[in-house]
N, C-alpha and C. Protein backbone atom coordinates (compact mmCIF):
# COMPACT_ATOMS: atom_id res chain seq x y z
N MET A 1 25.72 11.09 -21.20
CA MET A 1 26.83 10.67 -20.39
C MET A 1 28.05 11.46 -20.82
N LEU A 2 28.70 12.06 -19.87
CA LEU A 2 29.91 12.83 -20.11
C LEU A 2 31.11 11.90 -19.99
N PHE A 3 32.08 12.09 -20.86
CA PHE A 3 33.31 11.31 -20.73
C PHE A 3 34.52 12.16 -21.08
N GLU A 4 35.68 11.73 -20.58
CA GLU A 4 36.94 12.43 -20.82
C GLU A 4 37.94 11.45 -21.44
N VAL A 5 38.78 11.96 -22.32
CA VAL A 5 39.85 11.18 -22.92
C VAL A 5 41.17 11.76 -22.44
N LEU A 6 42.01 10.90 -21.88
CA LEU A 6 43.32 11.32 -21.37
C LEU A 6 44.41 10.46 -21.99
N ASP A 7 45.66 10.89 -21.82
CA ASP A 7 46.79 10.18 -22.43
C ASP A 7 47.13 8.85 -21.76
N SER A 8 46.88 8.74 -20.46
CA SER A 8 47.32 7.55 -19.74
C SER A 8 46.53 7.40 -18.44
N LEU A 9 46.73 6.27 -17.77
CA LEU A 9 46.12 6.07 -16.47
C LEU A 9 46.65 7.09 -15.47
N ASP A 10 47.94 7.38 -15.55
CA ASP A 10 48.52 8.39 -14.67
C ASP A 10 47.85 9.75 -14.88
N ALA A 11 47.64 10.12 -16.13
CA ALA A 11 46.97 11.39 -16.42
C ALA A 11 45.55 11.38 -15.88
N ALA A 12 44.89 10.24 -15.95
CA ALA A 12 43.51 10.14 -15.45
C ALA A 12 43.45 10.29 -13.94
N THR A 13 44.45 9.76 -13.24
CA THR A 13 44.42 9.82 -11.78
C THR A 13 44.98 11.12 -11.22
N THR A 14 45.72 11.86 -12.03
CA THR A 14 46.26 13.14 -11.57
C THR A 14 45.55 14.34 -12.18
N GLY A 15 44.68 14.09 -13.17
CA GLY A 15 43.94 15.17 -13.80
C GLY A 15 44.73 15.97 -14.80
N ARG A 16 45.83 15.41 -15.29
CA ARG A 16 46.68 16.12 -16.26
C ARG A 16 46.45 15.57 -17.67
N SER A 17 46.80 16.38 -18.66
CA SER A 17 46.82 15.97 -20.06
C SER A 17 45.45 15.57 -20.60
N LEU A 18 44.45 16.32 -20.23
CA LEU A 18 43.11 16.06 -20.76
C LEU A 18 43.10 16.37 -22.24
N ARG A 19 42.69 15.41 -23.05
CA ARG A 19 42.67 15.57 -24.50
C ARG A 19 41.29 15.97 -25.03
N LEU A 20 40.24 15.47 -24.40
CA LEU A 20 38.90 15.68 -24.93
C LEU A 20 37.87 15.49 -23.83
N ILE A 21 36.87 16.35 -23.81
CA ILE A 21 35.67 16.14 -23.00
C ILE A 21 34.51 16.14 -23.98
N SER A 22 33.68 15.13 -23.89
CA SER A 22 32.54 15.04 -24.80
C SER A 22 31.41 14.31 -24.09
N GLN A 23 30.35 14.08 -24.81
CA GLN A 23 29.25 13.32 -24.23
C GLN A 23 28.46 12.63 -25.33
N PHE A 24 27.72 11.62 -24.93
CA PHE A 24 26.82 10.95 -25.84
C PHE A 24 25.51 10.73 -25.12
N ALA A 25 24.47 10.52 -25.88
CA ALA A 25 23.13 10.32 -25.32
C ALA A 25 22.93 8.84 -24.99
N MET A 26 22.16 8.62 -23.95
CA MET A 26 21.77 7.26 -23.56
C MET A 26 20.28 7.10 -23.85
N PRO A 27 19.86 5.95 -24.35
CA PRO A 27 18.43 5.72 -24.56
C PRO A 27 17.67 5.88 -23.24
N GLU A 28 16.49 6.48 -23.31
CA GLU A 28 15.73 6.75 -22.09
C GLU A 28 15.43 5.48 -21.31
N ASP A 29 15.11 4.38 -21.99
CA ASP A 29 14.80 3.15 -21.26
C ASP A 29 16.02 2.63 -20.49
N VAL A 30 17.22 2.84 -21.00
CA VAL A 30 18.44 2.43 -20.30
C VAL A 30 18.62 3.31 -19.06
N CYS A 31 18.45 4.61 -19.21
CA CYS A 31 18.57 5.53 -18.07
C CYS A 31 17.56 5.17 -16.99
N ARG A 32 16.33 4.90 -17.40
CA ARG A 32 15.29 4.54 -16.43
C ARG A 32 15.67 3.26 -15.70
N GLY A 33 16.16 2.28 -16.43
CA GLY A 33 16.54 1.01 -15.83
C GLY A 33 17.65 1.16 -14.81
N VAL A 34 18.65 1.97 -15.12
CA VAL A 34 19.75 2.21 -14.17
C VAL A 34 19.21 2.88 -12.91
N ASN A 35 18.37 3.89 -13.09
CA ASN A 35 17.84 4.61 -11.94
C ASN A 35 16.92 3.75 -11.08
N GLU A 36 16.22 2.82 -11.70
CA GLU A 36 15.32 1.95 -10.95
C GLU A 36 16.05 0.79 -10.27
N SER A 37 17.25 0.47 -10.76
CA SER A 37 17.93 -0.73 -10.28
C SER A 37 18.65 -0.56 -8.95
N ASP A 38 18.88 0.66 -8.52
CA ASP A 38 19.68 0.88 -7.32
C ASP A 38 19.13 2.09 -6.57
N ALA A 39 18.90 1.93 -5.30
CA ALA A 39 18.32 3.00 -4.49
C ALA A 39 19.15 4.28 -4.52
N CYS A 40 20.45 4.16 -4.68
CA CYS A 40 21.29 5.37 -4.70
C CYS A 40 21.08 6.20 -5.96
N HIS A 41 20.40 5.65 -6.95
CA HIS A 41 20.13 6.37 -8.20
C HIS A 41 18.67 6.83 -8.32
N ARG A 42 17.86 6.62 -7.30
CA ARG A 42 16.42 6.92 -7.40
C ARG A 42 16.13 8.38 -7.70
N GLN A 43 16.95 9.32 -7.20
CA GLN A 43 16.74 10.73 -7.52
C GLN A 43 16.84 10.95 -9.02
N GLY A 44 17.58 10.12 -9.68
CA GLY A 44 17.72 10.22 -11.13
C GLY A 44 16.39 10.07 -11.85
N LEU A 45 15.45 9.32 -11.28
CA LEU A 45 14.13 9.18 -11.90
C LEU A 45 13.41 10.52 -11.95
N ALA A 46 13.51 11.29 -10.88
CA ALA A 46 12.89 12.62 -10.87
C ALA A 46 13.57 13.52 -11.89
N ASN A 47 14.89 13.43 -11.96
CA ASN A 47 15.63 14.24 -12.94
C ASN A 47 15.24 13.83 -14.36
N LEU A 48 15.12 12.55 -14.60
CA LEU A 48 14.74 12.04 -15.92
C LEU A 48 13.35 12.51 -16.31
N ALA A 49 12.44 12.55 -15.35
CA ALA A 49 11.07 13.00 -15.63
C ALA A 49 11.02 14.47 -16.00
N ARG A 50 11.97 15.27 -15.51
CA ARG A 50 12.00 16.71 -15.79
C ARG A 50 12.76 17.05 -17.07
N SER A 51 13.47 16.11 -17.62
CA SER A 51 14.32 16.41 -18.76
C SER A 51 14.04 15.47 -19.92
N SER A 52 14.54 15.86 -21.06
CA SER A 52 14.46 15.01 -22.25
C SER A 52 15.56 15.43 -23.19
N LEU A 53 15.90 14.59 -24.12
CA LEU A 53 16.93 14.96 -25.08
C LEU A 53 16.50 16.14 -25.93
N SER A 54 15.19 16.25 -26.18
CA SER A 54 14.71 17.37 -27.00
C SER A 54 14.86 18.71 -26.28
N ARG A 55 14.92 18.69 -24.94
CA ARG A 55 15.09 19.94 -24.17
C ARG A 55 16.52 20.12 -23.66
N ASP A 56 17.38 19.17 -23.94
CA ASP A 56 18.76 19.22 -23.46
C ASP A 56 19.52 20.33 -24.17
N ASN A 57 20.41 21.04 -23.43
CA ASN A 57 21.14 22.15 -24.03
C ASN A 57 22.21 21.70 -25.02
N VAL A 58 22.58 20.44 -25.03
CA VAL A 58 23.55 19.93 -26.01
C VAL A 58 22.84 19.25 -27.17
N PHE A 59 21.87 18.41 -26.87
CA PHE A 59 21.24 17.59 -27.90
C PHE A 59 19.93 18.18 -28.45
N GLY A 60 19.38 19.17 -27.79
CA GLY A 60 18.05 19.67 -28.13
C GLY A 60 17.89 20.24 -29.52
N ASP A 61 18.94 20.78 -30.12
CA ASP A 61 18.79 21.37 -31.45
C ASP A 61 19.29 20.46 -32.57
N ASN A 62 19.51 19.19 -32.26
CA ASN A 62 19.96 18.23 -33.26
C ASN A 62 18.79 17.70 -34.08
N THR A 63 19.08 17.30 -35.31
CA THR A 63 18.07 16.64 -36.12
C THR A 63 17.89 15.22 -35.60
N VAL A 64 16.85 14.55 -36.06
CA VAL A 64 16.61 13.17 -35.64
C VAL A 64 17.81 12.30 -36.02
N GLY A 65 18.37 12.51 -37.20
CA GLY A 65 19.53 11.74 -37.64
C GLY A 65 20.76 12.00 -36.80
N GLN A 66 21.01 13.27 -36.47
CA GLN A 66 22.15 13.61 -35.62
C GLN A 66 22.01 12.98 -34.25
N LEU A 67 20.82 13.07 -33.67
CA LEU A 67 20.59 12.48 -32.36
C LEU A 67 20.78 10.96 -32.40
N ALA A 68 20.32 10.34 -33.45
CA ALA A 68 20.50 8.88 -33.59
C ALA A 68 21.98 8.53 -33.63
N GLY A 69 22.78 9.36 -34.29
CA GLY A 69 24.21 9.11 -34.37
C GLY A 69 24.95 9.35 -33.07
N GLN A 70 24.34 10.09 -32.15
CA GLN A 70 24.98 10.42 -30.87
C GLN A 70 24.43 9.57 -29.73
N THR A 71 23.51 8.68 -30.02
CA THR A 71 22.89 7.84 -28.99
C THR A 71 23.48 6.44 -29.06
N LEU A 72 23.93 5.94 -27.93
CA LEU A 72 24.48 4.59 -27.88
C LEU A 72 23.42 3.55 -28.24
N VAL A 73 23.83 2.54 -28.95
CA VAL A 73 22.95 1.41 -29.27
C VAL A 73 23.45 0.24 -28.43
N LEU A 74 22.59 -0.24 -27.55
CA LEU A 74 23.00 -1.31 -26.64
C LEU A 74 22.38 -2.62 -27.04
């Protein structure tokens, strides 16, 4: 999941003062559940089947410990 950090609500709505763009990993079962829960997300199931964190261009070269630290615990 990609996220952005901005200075204020005004900055968020105008696209100014971006402080940080980053991302964190979501557990596969959570991603699958979101994609299965709503028809507008069904294409996400096909995308999920073609990808994995181990093949991801951001997370793929991380150690098991690094990946654990970057994955949300829900």
